[in-house]
């Protein structure tokens, strides 16, 4: 789903969201598990995805990208670039 969002294919991302959201919405999972991370991602992108709010989705993706690079050996070399979603 996130790859489809980054690529700008919001219809495909919405289809996955609708398929998966019933499994995770309203459920509680142990913190840090894959299911819990998926639930948090669904919650974060739900509103902007359904609204087609590309700038809001890009902001979320850039924040996730930065969080994954921060504190790693790659950080000094990393430069954020636009996602196809933004083009």
Protein backbone atom coordinates (compact mmCIF):
# COMPACT_ATOMS: atom_id res chain seq x y z
CA UNK A 1 0.00 0.00 0.00
CA UNK A 2 2.74 2.44 0.94
CA UNK A 3 4.62 1.71 -2.29
CA UNK A 4 1.47 2.48 -4.27
CA UNK A 5 1.06 5.74 -2.38
CA UNK A 6 4.68 6.72 -3.01
CA UNK A 7 4.25 5.89 -6.70
CA UNK A 8 1.13 8.04 -6.86
CA UNK A 9 -1.21 5.13 -7.58
CA UNK A 10 -3.83 6.12 -5.03
CA UNK A 11 -6.59 3.91 -6.43
CA UNK A 12 -4.47 0.78 -5.87
CA UNK A 13 -3.49 2.02 -2.40
CA UNK A 14 -7.15 2.63 -1.51
CA UNK A 15 -8.06 -0.89 -2.62
CA UNK A 16 -5.43 -2.34 -0.29
CA UNK A 17 -6.50 -0.03 2.54
CA UNK A 18 -10.11 -1.18 2.21
CA UNK A 19 -9.02 -4.81 2.09
CA UNK A 20 -6.79 -4.58 5.16
CA UNK A 21 -8.52 -2.01 7.33
CA UNK A 22 -11.22 -4.43 8.50
CA UNK A 23 -8.51 -6.68 9.93
CA UNK A 24 -6.81 -3.96 11.95
CA UNK A 25 -9.28 -1.19 12.72
CA UNK A 26 -10.35 -1.27 16.33
CA UNK A 27 -7.98 -4.09 17.25
CA UNK A 28 -5.09 -3.93 19.66
CA UNK A 29 -1.77 -5.61 18.92
CA UNK A 30 1.40 -5.89 20.99
CA UNK A 31 3.49 -2.72 20.50
CA UNK A 32 6.24 -3.00 17.92
CA UNK A 33 4.80 -6.03 16.16
CA UNK A 34 4.28 -6.06 12.41
CA UNK A 35 0.51 -5.98 12.93
CA UNK A 36 0.82 -2.96 15.23
CA UNK A 37 3.06 -1.10 12.74
CA UNK A 38 0.58 -1.87 9.94
CA UNK A 39 -2.30 -0.59 12.09
CA UNK A 40 -0.40 2.64 12.76
CA UNK A 41 0.37 3.10 9.07
CA UNK A 42 -3.25 2.53 8.14
CA UNK A 43 -4.35 5.11 10.69
CA UNK A 44 -1.77 7.67 9.56
CA UNK A 45 -2.64 7.57 5.87
CA UNK A 46 -6.37 6.83 6.04
CA UNK A 47 -7.77 10.36 5.90
CA UNK A 48 -5.37 11.87 3.36
CA UNK A 49 -5.52 8.74 1.19
CA UNK A 50 -9.30 8.76 1.03
CA UNK A 51 -9.30 12.50 0.36
CA UNK A 52 -6.61 12.23 -2.34
CA UNK A 53 -4.51 14.73 -0.39
CA UNK A 54 -1.16 14.20 -2.09
CA UNK A 55 0.73 16.92 -0.13
CA UNK A 56 -0.35 15.39 3.19
CA UNK A 57 0.61 11.89 2.04
CA UNK A 58 3.99 13.15 0.84
CA UNK A 59 4.59 14.80 4.21
CA UNK A 60 3.88 11.49 5.99
CA UNK A 61 6.15 9.53 3.65
CA UNK A 62 8.99 12.05 4.00
CA UNK A 63 8.71 11.87 7.79
CA UNK A 64 8.84 8.06 7.71
CA UNK A 65 11.79 8.13 5.33
CA UNK A 66 13.72 10.56 7.53
CA UNK A 67 12.94 8.54 10.67
CA UNK A 68 14.32 5.39 9.01
CA UNK A 69 17.57 7.09 7.99
CA UNK A 70 18.15 9.18 11.12
CA UNK A 71 20.87 7.71 13.30
CA UNK A 72 22.20 5.31 10.68
CA UNK A 73 25.52 5.32 8.85
CA UNK A 74 23.64 6.44 5.75
CA UNK A 75 22.35 9.66 7.31
CA UNK A 76 25.33 11.88 6.34
CA UNK A 77 24.87 10.93 2.69
CA UNK A 78 21.09 10.89 2.47
CA UNK A 79 19.27 13.63 0.65
CA UNK A 80 15.49 13.60 0.52
CA UNK A 81 14.02 13.62 -2.97
CA UNK A 82 10.50 13.84 -4.32
CA UNK A 83 8.32 10.78 -4.53
CA UNK A 84 6.55 10.11 -7.83
CA UNK A 85 3.39 10.99 -5.85
CA UNK A 86 4.59 14.60 -5.84
CA UNK A 87 5.27 14.88 -9.57
